[in-house]
Amino acid sequence: MKKRITQMIIAVLLISVAPFMTTQTSAATGNEIVNYAKTFQGVPYQYGGSTPSGFDCSGYTSYVYNNVAGVSLNRTAATQFTQGTSVSKANLQPGDLVFFDNLGYTSHVGIYIGNSQFISATTSKGIKIASINDPYYWGKYYMGAKRVASASVASATTKTVTDGKFTDVSSSHPAYVAIKELNIDGVINGFENQQFRPNAEVTRGQAAAMVNRVLKLTPKNQSRFSDVPTNHTFAKDIAAMNEAGILSGYTSGRFGLNDSLTKSQLAVILDRAFKISAATENQVRTASIYNDVPKTYWAHDPIVALKAIDQTTVFQTSYYQVNAEASRAEFSAAVYSAVESK
């Protein structure tokens, strides 16, 4: 590499587009579960819901645990209460499941996040944080807690990849060098079983947070988006990106916190953050080099610029697929290329 990735970039992708498995105990895995769980704050409640478009309480915990730790939880709060190992209130750790009998039976479940707080899908305000000792409600209905994160640590391969050799990224993968270099430099890690999951999606909220870890912009005002609570992990980053005009929200007043980042948006964000089209002005002036990106397309210049600076061959294709979701591999290749082209 021309230069080893700077500490600023290391800070960027350490907050990954997805949580990472470590060699630490279940407490570390619990923190990863908590960090991922918090990204869904503000998602509305939906009876029977088990996706980011809407969750009920057990659908939410099941989704988080499956995507972070590879743990399959039972579908209802009552049956989830039969899993794992019982934990006393005094010994709760981040990532533990906490249960409540607010309807006269085991009817609610959430994820403990530390400091006597938990996060769950509520019927009134969707995914939100509350106190397990709330004297007006939750404190009266608290039943107990279960620890299931340790099961994933025991059953999964816990060796952390530090040499870029992920089991699902072969040396022939076009983003192999980018992923390997970023991993060797301690920038990005992977999931359980030494996987990188190169095809997993990147959300708009994650993109805002990662880009701002490079630029370190401080917003003048709090986020005003309807789907971004002021206490959300990414709230300040989103506000900063919006104020800087790097990643704005929708006209509806939403930011699209958990919406997938499209490849067109990826190119535009990198251009606004790293000025890649200005650096490749001559190439951008030429005819479109993608069959599906006409010169009149709103993101034409950033897309062409991304292809021009590409250090990985990831973007050396005939079609760009402007509306496709940006993947972890593509995001890694784009950031790597933007840094290397400087």
Protein backbone atom coordinates (compact mmCIF):
# COMPACT_ATOMS: atom_id res chain seq x y z
CA MET A 1 0.00 0.00 0.00
CA LYS A 2 1.19 3.54 -0.67
CA LYS A 3 0.69 4.31 3.01
CA ARG A 4 -0.60 2.19 5.80
CA ILE A 5 -4.16 3.21 6.55
CA THR A 6 -4.10 6.05 9.03
CA GLN A 7 -5.54 5.88 12.51
CA MET A 8 -8.53 7.89 11.33
CA ILE A 9 -9.47 5.22 8.83
CA ILE A 10 -8.89 2.54 11.44
CA ALA A 11 -11.49 4.27 13.57
CA VAL A 12 -13.88 4.19 10.64
CA LEU A 13 -14.29 0.55 9.89
CA LEU A 14 -13.73 -0.71 13.40
CA ILE A 15 -17.37 0.29 13.67
CA SER A 16 -18.21 -2.24 11.02
CA VAL A 17 -21.14 -2.49 8.72
CA ALA A 18 -21.96 -5.42 10.83
CA PRO A 19 -20.89 -6.70 14.32
CA PHE A 20 -17.79 -8.83 14.68
CA MET A 21 -16.93 -12.04 16.53
CA THR A 22 -13.94 -11.78 18.85
CA THR A 23 -11.85 -14.13 20.91
CA GLN A 24 -13.18 -12.58 24.11
CA THR A 25 -15.73 -14.06 26.45
CA SER A 26 -19.48 -13.80 26.10
CA ALA A 27 -19.32 -10.29 27.61
CA ALA A 28 -17.51 -9.06 24.49
CA THR A 29 -20.00 -10.86 22.28
CA GLY A 30 -22.71 -9.27 24.39
CA ASN A 31 -21.36 -5.81 23.60
CA GLU A 32 -21.45 -6.63 19.92
CA ILE A 33 -25.07 -7.71 20.28
CA VAL A 34 -25.89 -4.45 22.07
CA ASN A 35 -24.20 -2.29 19.45
CA TYR A 36 -26.14 -4.00 16.68
CA ALA A 37 -29.40 -3.90 18.63
CA LYS A 38 -29.10 -0.13 19.07
CA THR A 39 -28.97 0.48 15.32
CA PHE A 40 -32.68 -0.32 15.14
CA GLN A 41 -33.86 2.34 17.58
CA GLY A 42 -37.00 3.96 16.24
CA VAL A 43 -38.07 1.00 14.07
CA PRO A 44 -41.84 0.70 14.55
CA TYR A 45 -43.62 -2.09 16.36
CA GLN A 46 -45.40 -4.66 14.24
CA TYR A 47 -47.29 -7.61 15.66
CA GLY A 48 -45.56 -10.75 14.43
CA GLY A 49 -42.83 -8.62 12.87
CA SER A 50 -39.35 -10.06 12.59
CA THR A 51 -37.59 -7.75 10.09
CA PRO A 52 -36.27 -4.15 10.18
CA SER A 53 -39.53 -2.97 8.59
CA GLY A 54 -41.23 -3.75 11.91
CA PHE A 55 -40.59 -5.94 14.98
CA ASP A 56 -42.46 -7.44 17.88
CA CYS A 57 -40.41 -8.08 21.01
CA SER A 58 -39.34 -11.67 20.35
CA GLY A 59 -38.99 -11.10 16.61
CA TYR A 60 -36.53 -8.32 17.44
CA THR A 61 -34.39 -10.38 19.81
CA SER A 62 -34.41 -13.31 17.39
CA TYR A 63 -33.30 -11.09 14.50
CA VAL A 64 -30.48 -9.49 16.48
CA TYR A 65 -29.12 -12.74 17.90
CA ASN A 66 -29.28 -14.56 14.58
CA ASN A 67 -27.47 -11.81 12.67
CA VAL A 68 -24.81 -11.10 15.28
CA ALA A 69 -24.08 -14.39 17.03
CA GLY A 70 -25.64 -16.95 14.72
CA VAL A 71 -27.89 -18.06 17.60
CA SER A 72 -31.41 -19.24 16.77
CA LEU A 73 -33.85 -18.15 19.45
CA ASN A 74 -37.34 -19.54 19.88
CA ARG A 75 -40.08 -17.39 18.39
CA THR A 76 -41.97 -16.17 21.49
CA ALA A 77 -40.88 -14.47 24.69
CA ALA A 78 -42.19 -17.39 26.74
CA THR A 79 -40.25 -20.00 24.78
CA GLN A 80 -37.10 -17.85 24.70
CA PHE A 81 -37.29 -17.85 28.51
CA THR A 82 -36.63 -21.61 28.35
CA GLN A 83 -33.29 -21.09 26.58
CA GLY A 84 -29.86 -20.32 27.95
CA THR A 85 -28.65 -20.05 31.53
CA SER A 86 -30.46 -18.10 34.25
CA VAL A 87 -28.68 -14.95 35.42
CA SER A 88 -29.39 -12.96 38.57
CA LYS A 89 -30.19 -9.27 38.27
CA ALA A 90 -26.97 -8.43 40.10
CA ASN A 91 -24.89 -10.32 37.53
CA LEU A 92 -26.45 -9.06 34.32
CA GLN A 93 -24.09 -8.45 31.41
CA PRO A 94 -24.67 -6.62 28.11
CA GLY A 95 -26.37 -8.93 25.65
CA ASP A 96 -28.33 -10.93 28.22
CA LEU A 97 -32.04 -11.44 27.52
CA VAL A 98 -34.36 -9.90 30.12
CA PHE A 99 -37.99 -10.98 30.56
CA PHE A 100 -41.17 -9.40 31.90
CA ASP A 101 -44.69 -10.62 32.74
CA ASN A 102 -46.58 -7.40 32.06
CA LEU A 103 -49.59 -9.39 30.82
CA GLY A 104 -49.65 -11.96 33.60
CA TYR A 105 -47.29 -14.37 31.84
CA THR A 106 -43.88 -14.23 30.14
CA SER A 107 -45.01 -11.73 27.55
CA HIS A 108 -42.08 -9.40 26.88
CA VAL A 109 -38.37 -9.82 26.18
CA GLY A 110 -35.56 -7.37 25.59
CA ILE A 111 -31.77 -7.15 25.48
CA TYR A 112 -29.84 -5.83 28.47
CA ILE A 113 -27.44 -3.02 27.44
CA GLY A 114 -25.84 -2.16 30.78
CA ASN A 115 -26.44 0.43 33.52
CA SER A 116 -29.79 -1.18 34.42
CA GLN A 117 -31.14 -0.45 30.94
CA PHE A 118 -32.53 -2.70 28.22
CA ILE A 119 -33.67 -2.25 24.64
CA SER A 120 -36.80 -3.84 23.24
CA ALA A 121 -39.66 -3.57 20.76
CA THR A 122 -42.52 -1.75 22.49
CA THR A 123 -46.05 -1.42 21.16
CA SER A 124 -46.13 2.31 21.90
CA LYS A 125 -42.81 3.60 20.54
CA GLY A 126 -41.16 0.73 18.67
CA ILE A 127 -37.55 -0.09 19.47
CA LYS A 128 -36.55 1.94 22.50
CA ILE A 129 -34.41 1.89 25.62
CA ALA A 130 -35.88 1.72 29.11
CA SER A 131 -34.83 0.90 32.66
CA ILE A 132 -35.40 -2.59 34.05
CA ASN A 133 -36.02 -0.86 37.38
CA ASP A 134 -38.58 1.62 36.09
CA PRO A 135 -40.87 1.94 39.17
CA TYR A 136 -43.86 2.93 37.05
CA TYR A 137 -43.84 -0.08 34.76
CA TRP A 138 -40.99 -2.44 33.88
CA GLY A 139 -39.62 -2.65 37.39
CA LYS A 140 -42.91 -4.12 38.60
CA TYR A 141 -43.00 -6.83 35.94
CA TYR A 142 -39.37 -7.97 35.78
CA MET A 143 -39.16 -11.78 35.78
CA GLY A 144 -35.54 -12.72 35.20
CA ALA A 145 -32.77 -13.02 32.64
CA LYS A 146 -31.07 -15.62 30.48
CA ARG A 147 -27.59 -15.67 28.98
CA VAL A 148 -27.44 -17.29 25.56
CA ALA A 149 -24.54 -15.41 23.92
CA SER A 150 -22.05 -17.82 25.49
CA ALA A 151 -23.59 -20.65 23.47
CA SER A 152 -22.42 -19.01 20.27
CA VAL A 153 -18.93 -18.56 21.64
CA ALA A 154 -18.72 -22.22 22.62
CA SER A 155 -20.03 -23.53 19.33
CA ALA A 156 -18.42 -21.14 16.90
CA THR A 157 -14.84 -20.89 15.75
CA THR A 158 -13.50 -18.04 17.86
CA LYS A 159 -10.16 -17.49 16.17
CA THR A 160 -10.01 -13.89 15.01
CA VAL A 161 -8.76 -13.38 11.47
CA THR A 162 -5.80 -10.98 11.42
CA ASP A 163 -4.06 -12.04 8.20
CA GLY A 164 -6.90 -11.31 5.79
CA LYS A 165 -7.57 -14.99 5.13
CA PHE A 166 -11.31 -15.27 5.57
CA THR A 167 -12.95 -18.59 4.78
CA ASP A 168 -15.46 -17.00 2.40
CA VAL A 169 -13.10 -14.62 0.55
CA SER A 170 -10.78 -16.47 -1.80
CA SER A 171 -7.62 -14.96 -3.26
CA SER A 172 -9.43 -14.72 -6.59
CA HIS A 173 -12.13 -12.41 -5.18
CA PRO A 174 -11.79 -8.95 -6.77
CA ALA A 175 -11.90 -7.27 -3.34
CA TYR A 176 -9.45 -9.71 -1.77
CA VAL A 177 -6.54 -7.25 -1.58
CA ALA A 178 -8.68 -4.47 -0.15
CA ILE A 179 -10.24 -6.73 2.46
CA LYS A 180 -6.91 -8.35 3.32
CA GLU A 181 -5.01 -5.06 3.69
CA LEU A 182 -7.71 -3.46 5.79
CA ASN A 183 -7.85 -6.57 7.98
CA ILE A 184 -4.06 -6.80 8.43
CA ASP A 185 -4.03 -3.14 9.45
CA GLY A 186 -6.65 -3.89 12.08
CA VAL A 187 -9.30 -1.90 10.24
CA ILE A 188 -11.90 -4.59 9.65
CA ASN A 189 -12.59 -7.97 11.18
CA GLY A 190 -15.22 -10.58 10.41
CA PHE A 191 -17.90 -12.79 11.83
CA GLU A 192 -17.93 -16.18 13.50
CA ASN A 193 -16.32 -19.12 11.71
CA GLN A 194 -13.72 -16.76 10.26
CA GLN A 195 -16.19 -15.35 7.74
CA PHE A 196 -16.20 -11.86 6.23
CA ARG A 197 -19.61 -12.08 4.55
CA PRO A 198 -18.61 -9.96 1.54
CA ASN A 199 -22.14 -9.86 0.14
CA ALA A 200 -23.85 -8.53 3.28
CA GLU A 201 -25.50 -5.13 2.87
CA VAL A 202 -24.47 -1.73 4.26
CA THR A 203 -27.10 0.59 5.74
CA ARG A 204 -27.31 4.36 5.34
CA GLY A 205 -26.89 4.82 9.08
CA GLN A 206 -23.72 2.72 9.15
CA ALA A 207 -22.33 4.59 6.15
CA ALA A 208 -22.91 7.95 7.84
CA ALA A 209 -21.14 6.80 10.99
CA MET A 210 -18.16 5.35 9.17
CA VAL A 211 -17.58 8.34 6.91
CA ASN A 212 -17.80 10.72 9.84
CA ARG A 213 -15.19 8.74 11.76
CA VAL A 214 -12.83 9.90 9.00
CA LEU A 215 -14.01 13.49 8.70
CA LYS A 216 -14.72 13.96 12.43
CA LEU A 217 -17.35 16.62 11.83
CA THR A 218 -19.31 17.95 14.80
CA PRO A 219 -22.96 18.84 14.07
CA LYS A 220 -24.29 22.20 15.17
CA ASN A 221 -27.73 20.77 15.83
CA GLN A 222 -29.21 17.43 16.81
CA SER A 223 -30.68 15.13 14.22
CA ARG A 224 -34.25 16.03 13.34
CA PHE A 225 -35.12 12.94 11.35
CA SER A 226 -38.26 11.11 12.41
CA ASP A 227 -36.54 7.71 12.39
CA VAL A 228 -33.37 8.78 14.23
CA PRO A 229 -33.85 9.22 17.99
CA THR A 230 -31.57 11.84 19.53
CA ASN A 231 -29.97 9.16 21.70
CA HIS A 232 -29.25 6.82 18.80
CA THR A 233 -25.65 5.63 18.44
CA PHE A 234 -25.37 7.22 15.00
CA ALA A 235 -27.45 10.36 15.69
CA LYS A 236 -24.54 12.83 15.82
CA ASP A 237 -22.84 11.29 12.81
CA ILE A 238 -26.06 11.44 10.81
CA ALA A 239 -26.65 15.06 11.82
CA ALA A 240 -23.07 15.94 10.84
CA MET A 241 -23.33 14.21 7.46
CA ASN A 242 -26.62 15.93 6.77
CA GLU A 243 -25.31 19.39 7.69
CA ALA A 244 -22.24 18.86 5.51
CA GLY A 245 -24.41 17.77 2.59
CA ILE A 246 -22.63 14.43 2.37
CA LEU A 247 -25.56 12.15 3.20
CA SER A 248 -28.97 13.79 3.48
CA GLY A 249 -32.35 12.42 4.42
CA TYR A 250 -35.58 12.04 2.49
CA THR A 251 -38.17 14.72 1.78
CA SER A 252 -40.55 12.76 4.02
CA GLY A 253 -38.48 13.74 7.03
CA ARG A 254 -36.90 10.28 7.41
CA PHE A 255 -33.21 9.58 7.12
CA GLY A 256 -33.64 5.94 6.17
CA LEU A 257 -31.50 4.80 9.08
CA ASN A 258 -31.79 1.09 8.35
CA ASP A 259 -32.37 1.37 4.61
CA SER A 260 -29.83 -0.35 2.45
CA LEU A 261 -27.22 1.88 0.87
CA THR A 262 -27.44 1.71 -2.90
CA LYS A 263 -24.39 1.62 -5.13
CA SER A 264 -25.31 5.02 -6.56
CA GLN A 265 -25.44 6.46 -3.06
CA LEU A 266 -22.11 4.84 -2.25
CA ALA A 267 -20.40 6.59 -5.15
CA VAL A 268 -21.99 9.96 -4.35
CA ILE A 269 -21.11 9.75 -0.66
CA LEU A 270 -17.46 8.97 -1.43
CA ASP A 271 -17.36 11.80 -3.95
CA ARG A 272 -18.72 14.30 -1.46
CA ALA A 273 -16.38 13.07 1.26
CA PHE A 274 -13.18 12.50 -0.73
CA LYS A 275 -13.73 14.63 -3.87
CA ILE A 276 -12.97 11.71 -6.16
CA SER A 277 -14.64 13.16 -9.27
CA ALA A 278 -12.53 16.32 -9.02
CA ALA A 279 -9.41 14.18 -8.90
CA THR A 280 -10.45 12.30 -12.05
CA GLU A 281 -11.93 15.18 -14.01
CA ASN A 282 -10.58 14.06 -17.38
CA GLN A 283 -12.02 10.57 -17.07
CA VAL A 284 -15.39 11.94 -15.97
CA ARG A 285 -15.60 14.12 -19.06
CA THR A 286 -15.45 11.11 -21.37
CA ALA A 287 -18.45 9.08 -22.49
CA SER A 288 -20.09 6.85 -19.92
CA ILE A 289 -18.05 3.71 -19.28
CA TYR A 290 -20.99 1.78 -17.85
CA ASN A 291 -23.75 0.57 -20.15
CA ASP A 292 -26.39 1.41 -17.56
CA VAL A 293 -25.08 4.85 -16.52
CA PRO A 294 -25.90 7.50 -19.14
CA LYS A 295 -24.30 10.93 -18.91
CA THR A 296 -27.63 12.33 -17.81
CA TYR A 297 -27.83 10.04 -14.78
CA TRP A 298 -27.80 12.03 -11.54
CA ALA A 299 -24.83 10.10 -10.10
CA HIS A 300 -22.90 9.72 -13.37
CA ASP A 301 -19.76 11.65 -12.43
CA PRO A 302 -19.17 10.02 -9.00
CA ILE A 303 -19.82 6.55 -10.46
CA VAL A 304 -17.37 7.08 -13.32
CA ALA A 305 -14.85 8.54 -10.88
CA LEU A 306 -15.15 5.50 -8.64
CA LYS A 307 -14.35 3.26 -11.57
CA ALA A 308 -11.39 5.49 -12.45
CA ILE A 309 -9.82 5.28 -8.98
CA ASP A 310 -10.67 1.61 -8.42
CA GLN A 311 -7.62 -0.22 -7.08
CA THR A 312 -9.36 -3.59 -6.86
CA THR A 313 -11.17 -4.38 -10.15
CA VAL A 314 -14.44 -4.60 -8.19
CA PHE A 315 -15.86 -1.77 -10.27
CA GLN A 316 -14.30 -2.81 -13.60
CA THR A 317 -17.52 -4.15 -15.06
CA SER A 318 -19.76 -3.30 -18.00
CA TYR A 319 -22.77 -2.58 -15.79
CA TYR A 320 -22.74 -0.70 -12.51
CA GLN A 321 -26.24 -1.69 -11.33
CA VAL A 322 -27.11 1.71 -9.95
CA ASN A 323 -30.01 0.60 -7.76
CA ALA A 324 -28.37 -2.53 -6.31
CA GLU A 325 -27.50 -2.65 -2.61
CA ALA A 326 -23.86 -1.88 -1.80
CA SER A 327 -22.15 -4.85 -0.20
CA ARG A 328 -19.43 -5.10 2.45
CA ALA A 329 -16.94 -6.06 -0.23
CA GLU A 330 -17.90 -3.12 -2.44
CA PHE A 331 -17.82 -0.69 0.46
CA SER A 332 -14.38 -2.00 1.49
CA ALA A 333 -13.11 -1.74 -2.09
CA ALA A 334 -14.44 1.81 -2.45
CA VAL A 335 -12.94 3.10 0.80
CA TYR A 336 -9.64 1.35 0.12
CA SER A 337 -9.52 2.86 -3.38
CA ALA A 338 -10.39 6.36 -2.17
CA VAL A 339 -7.59 6.23 0.40
CA GLU A 340 -5.05 4.68 -1.96
CA SER A 341 -5.77 7.16 -4.75
CA LYS A 342 -4.84 10.14 -2.61
